[in-house]
Amino acid sequence: MEEKFGVPRDPSYLIKALQNIQTKKGYIPFEDAVEVAEYLGVPLTRVFGVATFYEQFRLKPRGKYVIRVCQGTACHVKGSKTLLDFLRDFLGVDIGDTTEDGLFTIERVACLGACALAPAVEVNGTIYGKMDPDKLRELIIELKEAERNGEQKN
């Protein structure tokens, strides 16, 4: 029997099918969600119910650089909201969105586990501590320059 999305035709494999799509494409396109529903014989509402319930799934493409701003207590007290406000203004996108050039996505996270470095920001797995808007501006400019020079930073 031929498998699609790397899973057998069995509704109990819905999460695995979505994980496989996201691993391959970086997010779950609407068209793929429709195909999964048809293939597994489940309502499309169930596919989207699962995809929106679990934070691991994304329904929109992410940028090359995902900027995650910690919202834990220490970071909140030390000004993480200011960092989010700065990012929205400087990049021109809202939390959860990606810049038009596909470079940056802003995300808010509950905790990065870097309380001693508050406020902390993570970019593609690298933690940057004691951030302020000026340092964040410099980091984004560095990332843009690296892109222009064909370098990968992070």
N, C-alpha and C. Protein backbone atom coordinates (compact mmCIF):
# COMPACT_ATOMS: atom_id res chain seq x y z
N MET A 1 0.84 -1.18 0.00
CA MET A 1 0.00 0.00 0.00
C MET A 1 0.88 1.25 0.00
N GLU A 2 0.58 2.17 -0.88
CA GLU A 2 1.38 3.39 -1.01
C GLU A 2 1.06 4.36 0.13
N GLU A 3 2.11 4.95 0.67
CA GLU A 3 1.95 5.93 1.74
C GLU A 3 2.12 7.33 1.19
N LYS A 4 1.33 8.22 1.71
CA LYS A 4 1.43 9.63 1.36
C LYS A 4 1.77 10.38 2.64
N PHE A 5 2.56 11.41 2.54
CA PHE A 5 2.99 12.19 3.70
C PHE A 5 3.80 11.33 4.67
N GLY A 6 4.32 10.19 4.21
CA GLY A 6 5.15 9.33 5.04
C GLY A 6 4.39 8.56 6.10
N VAL A 7 3.07 8.44 5.94
CA VAL A 7 2.26 7.72 6.92
C VAL A 7 1.24 6.83 6.21
N PRO A 8 0.80 5.77 6.89
CA PRO A 8 -0.28 4.95 6.32
C PRO A 8 -1.60 5.71 6.31
N ARG A 9 -2.53 5.22 5.54
CA ARG A 9 -3.86 5.86 5.43
C ARG A 9 -4.69 5.49 6.66
N ASP A 10 -4.38 6.15 7.77
CA ASP A 10 -5.02 5.85 9.04
C ASP A 10 -5.12 7.17 9.81
N PRO A 11 -6.32 7.57 10.23
CA PRO A 11 -6.50 8.86 10.90
C PRO A 11 -5.64 9.05 12.15
N SER A 12 -5.21 7.95 12.77
CA SER A 12 -4.38 8.09 13.97
C SER A 12 -2.99 8.65 13.66
N TYR A 13 -2.66 8.78 12.38
CA TYR A 13 -1.35 9.31 11.97
C TYR A 13 -1.42 10.80 11.58
N LEU A 14 -2.49 11.47 11.97
CA LEU A 14 -2.65 12.87 11.60
C LEU A 14 -1.48 13.73 12.07
N ILE A 15 -1.12 13.63 13.33
CA ILE A 15 -0.03 14.47 13.86
C ILE A 15 1.28 14.16 13.13
N LYS A 16 1.57 12.90 12.91
CA LYS A 16 2.81 12.52 12.22
C LYS A 16 2.82 13.07 10.80
N ALA A 17 1.69 13.01 10.11
CA ALA A 17 1.61 13.55 8.75
C ALA A 17 1.90 15.05 8.75
N LEU A 18 1.31 15.77 9.71
CA LEU A 18 1.56 17.21 9.81
C LEU A 18 3.01 17.51 10.15
N GLN A 19 3.58 16.71 11.04
CA GLN A 19 5.00 16.89 11.38
C GLN A 19 5.88 16.68 10.15
N ASN A 20 5.57 15.68 9.36
CA ASN A 20 6.36 15.39 8.16
C ASN A 20 6.28 16.53 7.15
N ILE A 21 5.09 17.07 6.98
CA ILE A 21 4.93 18.21 6.05
C ILE A 21 5.73 19.40 6.54
N GLN A 22 5.61 19.70 7.84
CA GLN A 22 6.31 20.86 8.37
C GLN A 22 7.82 20.68 8.31
N THR A 23 8.30 19.47 8.55
CA THR A 23 9.74 19.21 8.45
C THR A 23 10.23 19.49 7.04
N LYS A 24 9.44 19.09 6.08
CA LYS A 24 9.83 19.25 4.67
C LYS A 24 9.70 20.70 4.18
N LYS A 25 8.60 21.37 4.56
CA LYS A 25 8.31 22.68 4.00
C LYS A 25 8.50 23.85 4.96
N GLY A 26 8.67 23.55 6.24
CA GLY A 26 8.85 24.61 7.23
C GLY A 26 7.55 25.13 7.81
N TYR A 27 6.44 24.75 7.22
CA TYR A 27 5.11 25.12 7.71
C TYR A 27 4.11 24.21 7.01
N ILE A 28 2.82 24.37 7.33
CA ILE A 28 1.80 23.52 6.73
C ILE A 28 0.94 24.39 5.81
N PRO A 29 1.18 24.31 4.50
CA PRO A 29 0.36 25.07 3.56
C PRO A 29 -1.10 24.58 3.58
N PHE A 30 -2.02 25.47 3.28
CA PHE A 30 -3.45 25.15 3.27
C PHE A 30 -3.72 23.95 2.35
N GLU A 31 -3.12 23.96 1.18
CA GLU A 31 -3.36 22.89 0.20
C GLU A 31 -2.95 21.53 0.77
N ASP A 32 -1.86 21.49 1.51
CA ASP A 32 -1.41 20.23 2.11
C ASP A 32 -2.36 19.79 3.21
N ALA A 33 -2.90 20.73 3.96
CA ALA A 33 -3.86 20.39 5.01
C ALA A 33 -5.10 19.74 4.38
N VAL A 34 -5.54 20.28 3.25
CA VAL A 34 -6.69 19.71 2.55
C VAL A 34 -6.37 18.29 2.08
N GLU A 35 -5.18 18.11 1.51
CA GLU A 35 -4.78 16.77 1.04
C GLU A 35 -4.68 15.77 2.18
N VAL A 36 -4.16 16.19 3.33
CA VAL A 36 -4.07 15.31 4.50
C VAL A 36 -5.46 14.89 4.94
N ALA A 37 -6.37 15.84 5.00
CA ALA A 37 -7.75 15.53 5.40
C ALA A 37 -8.36 14.49 4.47
N GLU A 38 -8.19 14.69 3.18
CA GLU A 38 -8.74 13.74 2.20
C GLU A 38 -8.06 12.37 2.31
N TYR A 39 -6.75 12.38 2.40
CA TYR A 39 -5.98 11.12 2.46
C TYR A 39 -6.32 10.31 3.71
N LEU A 40 -6.41 10.98 4.85
CA LEU A 40 -6.67 10.26 6.10
C LEU A 40 -8.16 10.08 6.39
N GLY A 41 -8.99 10.73 5.59
CA GLY A 41 -10.43 10.59 5.78
C GLY A 41 -10.94 11.27 7.03
N VAL A 42 -10.36 12.42 7.34
CA VAL A 42 -10.81 13.19 8.51
C VAL A 42 -11.31 14.55 8.03
N PRO A 43 -12.20 15.18 8.80
CA PRO A 43 -12.67 16.51 8.41
C PRO A 43 -11.52 17.52 8.43
N LEU A 44 -11.59 18.47 7.52
CA LEU A 44 -10.57 19.52 7.48
C LEU A 44 -10.52 20.29 8.80
N THR A 45 -11.66 20.42 9.45
CA THR A 45 -11.69 21.12 10.74
C THR A 45 -10.84 20.38 11.78
N ARG A 46 -10.78 19.07 11.69
CA ARG A 46 -9.93 18.32 12.63
C ARG A 46 -8.45 18.58 12.35
N VAL A 47 -8.09 18.63 11.07
CA VAL A 47 -6.70 18.92 10.70
C VAL A 47 -6.29 20.28 11.26
N PHE A 48 -7.14 21.29 11.04
CA PHE A 48 -6.80 22.63 11.53
C PHE A 48 -6.92 22.72 13.05
N GLY A 49 -7.81 21.94 13.63
CA GLY A 49 -7.91 21.89 15.09
C GLY A 49 -6.62 21.41 15.71
N VAL A 50 -6.04 20.37 15.13
CA VAL A 50 -4.76 19.83 15.62
C VAL A 50 -3.63 20.82 15.33
N ALA A 51 -3.61 21.35 14.10
CA ALA A 51 -2.52 22.25 13.69
C ALA A 51 -2.50 23.55 14.49
N THR A 52 -3.66 23.98 14.97
CA THR A 52 -3.68 25.23 15.75
C THR A 52 -3.59 24.97 17.25
N PHE A 53 -3.89 23.76 17.69
CA PHE A 53 -3.80 23.44 19.11
C PHE A 53 -2.35 23.32 19.56
N TYR A 54 -1.53 22.63 18.77
CA TYR A 54 -0.13 22.41 19.14
C TYR A 54 0.75 23.53 18.62
N GLU A 55 1.53 24.11 19.54
CA GLU A 55 2.40 25.24 19.17
C GLU A 55 3.49 24.86 18.19
N GLN A 56 3.80 23.58 18.07
CA GLN A 56 4.87 23.16 17.16
C GLN A 56 4.51 23.41 15.70
N PHE A 57 3.21 23.52 15.39
CA PHE A 57 2.80 23.66 14.00
C PHE A 57 2.64 25.12 13.61
N ARG A 58 3.02 25.40 12.37
CA ARG A 58 2.89 26.74 11.81
C ARG A 58 2.09 26.66 10.52
N LEU A 59 1.20 27.61 10.33
CA LEU A 59 0.39 27.64 9.12
C LEU A 59 0.87 28.70 8.14
N LYS A 60 1.93 29.42 8.52
CA LYS A 60 2.52 30.43 7.65
C LYS A 60 4.03 30.19 7.62
N PRO A 61 4.66 30.51 6.50
CA PRO A 61 6.12 30.36 6.45
C PRO A 61 6.81 31.29 7.44
N ARG A 62 7.93 30.84 7.97
CA ARG A 62 8.72 31.66 8.88
C ARG A 62 9.89 32.26 8.12
N GLY A 63 10.44 33.32 8.69
CA GLY A 63 11.59 33.96 8.08
C GLY A 63 12.86 33.13 8.29
N LYS A 64 13.88 33.51 7.57
CA LYS A 64 15.17 32.84 7.71
C LYS A 64 15.71 33.02 9.13
N TYR A 65 15.43 34.17 9.71
CA TYR A 65 15.85 34.47 11.08
C TYR A 65 14.60 34.63 11.94
N VAL A 66 14.42 33.73 12.88
CA VAL A 66 13.27 33.80 13.78
C VAL A 66 13.74 34.46 15.07
N ILE A 67 13.19 35.63 15.33
CA ILE A 67 13.54 36.40 16.53
C ILE A 67 12.49 36.10 17.59
N ARG A 68 12.92 35.41 18.62
CA ARG A 68 12.01 35.02 19.70
C ARG A 68 12.31 35.88 20.92
N VAL A 69 11.31 36.60 21.40
CA VAL A 69 11.49 37.49 22.55
C VAL A 69 10.88 36.82 23.77
N CYS A 70 11.69 36.66 24.80
CA CYS A 70 11.25 36.02 26.04
C CYS A 70 10.25 36.90 26.77
N GLN A 71 9.20 36.25 27.30
CA GLN A 71 8.18 36.95 28.07
C GLN A 71 8.13 36.46 29.51
N GLY A 72 9.16 35.72 29.93
CA GLY A 72 9.22 35.24 31.31
C GLY A 72 9.24 36.41 32.28
N THR A 73 9.05 36.11 33.55
CA THR A 73 8.94 37.16 34.56
C THR A 73 10.14 38.09 34.56
N ALA A 74 11.34 37.54 34.61
CA ALA A 74 12.55 38.39 34.65
C ALA A 74 12.64 39.27 33.41
N CYS A 75 12.39 38.69 32.25
CA CYS A 75 12.47 39.46 31.01
C CYS A 75 11.36 40.51 30.93
N HIS A 76 10.18 40.13 31.38
CA HIS A 76 9.07 41.09 31.38
C HIS A 76 9.40 42.30 32.26
N VAL A 77 9.88 42.02 33.46
CA VAL A 77 10.22 43.09 34.40
C VAL A 77 11.33 43.98 33.84
N LYS A 78 12.24 43.40 33.09
CA LYS A 78 13.38 44.17 32.56
C LYS A 78 13.13 44.76 31.18
N GLY A 79 11.88 44.67 30.68
CA GLY A 79 11.55 45.43 29.47
C GLY A 79 11.36 44.67 28.18
N SER A 80 10.99 43.41 28.23
CA SER A 80 10.82 42.67 26.98
C SER A 80 9.70 43.24 26.10
N LYS A 81 8.70 43.87 26.72
CA LYS A 81 7.63 44.49 25.92
C LYS A 81 8.19 45.60 25.04
N THR A 82 9.15 46.33 25.56
CA THR A 82 9.81 47.38 24.78
C THR A 82 10.50 46.78 23.56
N LEU A 83 11.10 45.60 23.74
CA LEU A 83 11.76 44.93 22.61
C LEU A 83 10.75 44.52 21.55
N LEU A 84 9.61 43.98 21.99
CA LEU A 84 8.58 43.60 21.02
C LEU A 84 8.05 44.83 20.27
N ASP A 85 7.80 45.90 21.00
CA ASP A 85 7.32 47.13 20.37
C ASP A 85 8.34 47.64 19.35
N PHE A 86 9.61 47.62 19.73
CA PHE A 86 10.67 48.05 18.82
C PHE A 86 10.68 47.20 17.56
N LEU A 87 10.64 45.87 17.73
CA LEU A 87 10.69 44.97 16.57
C LEU A 87 9.52 45.21 15.63
N ARG A 88 8.33 45.38 16.19
CA ARG A 88 7.16 45.64 15.34
C ARG A 88 7.35 46.91 14.51
N ASP A 89 7.86 47.95 15.15
CA ASP A 89 8.07 49.22 14.44
C ASP A 89 9.22 49.12 13.45
N PHE A 90 10.34 48.58 13.88
CA PHE A 90 11.55 48.55 13.06
C PHE A 90 11.40 47.63 11.85
N LEU A 91 10.78 46.47 12.05
CA LEU A 91 10.63 45.50 10.96
C LEU A 91 9.32 45.67 10.19
N GLY A 92 8.38 46.39 10.78
CA GLY A 92 7.12 46.65 10.09
C GLY A 92 6.18 45.45 10.01
N VAL A 93 6.32 44.52 10.96
CA VAL A 93 5.41 43.36 11.01
C VAL A 93 4.99 43.12 12.44
N ASP A 94 3.90 42.39 12.60
CA ASP A 94 3.40 42.09 13.93
C ASP A 94 3.98 40.78 14.43
N ILE A 95 3.75 40.49 15.69
CA ILE A 95 4.20 39.23 16.29
C ILE A 95 3.55 38.08 15.53
N GLY A 96 4.37 37.11 15.17
CA GLY A 96 3.89 35.95 14.42
C GLY A 96 3.99 36.12 12.93
N ASP A 97 4.32 37.32 12.48
CA ASP A 97 4.41 37.58 11.04
C ASP A 97 5.86 37.63 10.57
N THR A 98 5.99 37.59 9.25
CA THR A 98 7.30 37.55 8.61
C THR A 98 7.44 38.77 7.70
N THR A 99 8.63 39.34 7.67
CA THR A 99 8.88 40.49 6.81
C THR A 99 8.71 40.10 5.35
N GLU A 100 8.39 41.08 4.51
CA GLU A 100 8.15 40.82 3.09
C GLU A 100 9.34 40.17 2.40
N ASP A 101 10.55 40.49 2.85
CA ASP A 101 11.74 39.90 2.22
C ASP A 101 12.00 38.47 2.69
N GLY A 102 11.16 37.98 3.61
CA GLY A 102 11.30 36.61 4.09
C GLY A 102 12.45 36.39 5.06
N LEU A 103 13.05 37.47 5.54
CA LEU A 103 14.21 37.33 6.42
C LEU A 103 13.85 37.16 7.89
N PHE A 104 12.86 37.91 8.39
CA PHE A 104 12.63 37.94 9.83
C PHE A 104 11.19 37.59 10.21
N THR A 105 11.08 36.78 11.24
CA THR A 105 9.79 36.49 11.87
C THR A 105 9.94 36.85 13.34
N ILE A 106 8.94 37.50 13.90
CA ILE A 106 8.94 37.85 15.32
C ILE A 106 8.05 36.86 16.05
N GLU A 107 8.58 36.30 17.12
CA GLU A 107 7.78 35.41 17.97
C GLU A 107 7.94 35.81 19.42
N ARG A 108 6.88 35.60 20.17
CA ARG A 108 6.88 35.83 21.61
C ARG A 108 6.89 34.44 22.24
N VAL A 109 7.79 34.20 23.21
CA VAL A 109 7.84 32.89 23.88
C VAL A 109 7.72 33.08 25.39
N ALA A 110 7.16 32.07 26.04
CA ALA A 110 6.91 32.14 27.48
C ALA A 110 8.20 32.29 28.27
N CYS A 111 9.22 31.53 27.92
CA CYS A 111 10.49 31.60 28.66
C CYS A 111 11.60 30.97 27.83
N LEU A 112 12.74 31.62 27.80
CA LEU A 112 13.92 31.07 27.13
C LEU A 112 14.86 30.39 28.11
N GLY A 113 14.59 30.52 29.39
CA GLY A 113 15.46 29.91 30.39
C GLY A 113 16.78 30.63 30.56
N ALA A 114 16.79 31.90 30.26
CA ALA A 114 18.01 32.70 30.37
C ALA A 114 17.75 33.90 31.28
N CYS A 115 17.15 33.64 32.42
CA CYS A 115 16.70 34.70 33.32
C CYS A 115 17.84 35.63 33.76
N ALA A 116 19.01 35.10 33.94
CA ALA A 116 20.14 35.93 34.37
C ALA A 116 20.56 36.92 33.29
N LEU A 117 20.12 36.68 32.07
CA LEU A 117 20.47 37.55 30.94
C LEU A 117 19.32 38.47 30.54
N ALA A 118 18.30 38.57 31.37
CA ALA A 118 17.09 39.32 31.02
C ALA A 118 17.39 40.78 30.69
N PRO A 119 16.68 41.32 29.71
CA PRO A 119 15.76 40.64 28.81
C PRO A 119 16.52 39.90 27.71
N ALA A 120 16.04 38.72 27.39
CA ALA A 120 16.73 37.86 26.44
C ALA A 120 15.93 37.69 25.15
N VAL A 121 16.70 37.54 24.09
CA VAL A 121 16.15 37.30 22.76
C VAL A 121 16.91 36.13 22.17
N GLU A 122 16.21 35.30 21.42
CA GLU A 122 16.87 34.17 20.74
C GLU A 122 16.68 34.35 19.25
N VAL A 123 17.76 34.15 18.51
CA VAL A 123 17.67 34.18 17.05
C VAL A 123 18.26 32.87 16.55
N ASN A 124 17.40 32.05 15.98
CA ASN A 124 17.81 30.75 15.41
C ASN A 124 18.65 29.93 16.38
N GLY A 125 18.25 29.92 17.63
CA GLY A 125 18.92 29.08 18.61
C GLY A 125 20.03 29.76 19.41
N THR A 126 20.42 30.95 19.03
CA THR A 126 21.45 31.68 19.77
C THR A 126 20.78 32.70 20.68
N ILE A 127 21.15 32.66 21.97
CA ILE A 127 20.57 33.58 22.95
C ILE A 127 21.41 34.86 23.01
N TYR A 128 20.72 35.98 23.00
CA TYR A 128 21.35 37.29 23.16
C TYR A 128 20.76 37.90 24.42
N GLY A 129 21.60 38.18 25.39
CA GLY A 129 21.12 38.68 26.67
C GLY A 129 21.32 40.16 26.87
N LYS A 130 20.62 40.64 27.91
CA LYS A 130 20.67 42.05 28.30
C LYS A 130 20.42 42.96 27.10
N MET A 131 19.38 42.58 26.34
CA MET A 131 19.07 43.31 25.11
C MET A 131 18.33 44.60 25.41
N ASP A 132 18.52 45.54 24.51
CA ASP A 132 17.75 46.77 24.51
C ASP A 132 17.50 47.10 23.03
N PRO A 133 16.65 48.06 22.74
CA PRO A 133 16.36 48.34 21.34
C PRO A 133 17.59 48.67 20.49
N ASP A 134 18.56 49.39 21.05
CA ASP A 134 19.76 49.72 20.27
C ASP A 134 20.56 48.47 19.90
N LYS A 135 20.74 47.57 20.87
CA LYS A 135 21.47 46.32 20.59
C LYS A 135 20.70 45.46 19.59
N LEU A 136 19.40 45.46 19.71
CA LEU A 136 18.57 44.68 18.80
C LEU A 136 18.64 45.25 17.38
N ARG A 137 18.64 46.56 17.26
CA ARG A 137 18.79 47.21 15.94
C ARG A 137 20.12 46.80 15.33
N GLU A 138 21.20 46.86 16.13
CA GLU A 138 22.52 46.47 15.62
C GLU A 138 22.54 45.02 15.15
N LEU A 139 21.92 44.14 15.90
CA LEU A 139 21.88 42.73 15.54
C LEU A 139 21.14 42.52 14.21
N ILE A 140 20.02 43.18 14.05
CA ILE A 140 19.26 43.04 12.81
C ILE A 140 20.05 43.59 11.63
N ILE A 141 20.71 44.71 11.82
CA ILE A 141 21.54 45.28 10.75
C ILE A 141 22.67 44.32 10.39
N GLU A 142 23.30 43.70 11.39
CA GLU A 142 24.35 42.70 11.13
C GLU A 142 23.81 41.53 10.31
N LEU A 143 22.63 41.06 10.68
CA LEU A 143 22.03 39.94 9.96
C LEU A 143 21.72 40.32 8.51
N LYS A 144 21.22 41.53 8.30
CA LYS A 144 20.93 41.99 6.95
C LYS A 144 22.21 42.13 6.13
N GLU A 145 23.27 42.63 6.75
CA GLU A 145 24.55 42.78 6.05
C GLU A 145 25.12 41.41 5.69
N ALA A 146 25.01 40.46 6.61
CA ALA A 146 25.48 39.10 6.33
C ALA A 146 24.73 38.53 5.14
N GLU A 147 23.44 38.79 5.06
CA GLU A 147 22.63 38.31 3.93
C GLU A 147 23.12 38.93 2.62
N ARG A 148 23.35 40.23 2.64
CA ARG A 148 23.81 40.92 1.43
C ARG A 148 25.16 40.37 0.97
N ASN A 149 25.99 39.97 1.92
CA ASN A 149 27.31 39.44 1.59
C ASN A 149 27.31 37.94 1.35
N GLY A 150 26.12 37.35 1.37
CA GLY A 150 26.01 35.92 1.12
C GLY A 150 26.51 35.05 2.24
N GLU A 151 26.57 35.61 3.44
CA GLU A 151 27.02 34.86 4.61
C GLU A 151 25.82 34.37 5.40
N GLN A 152 26.03 33.32 6.15
CA GLN A 152 24.98 32.83 7.05
C GLN A 152 25.42 33.16 8.47
N LYS A 153 24.64 33.99 9.15
CA LYS A 153 24.94 34.28 10.55
C LYS A 153 23.91 33.53 11.36
N ASN A 154 24.34 32.80 12.38
CA ASN A 154 23.48 31.95 13.23
C ASN A 154 23.25 30.66 12.51
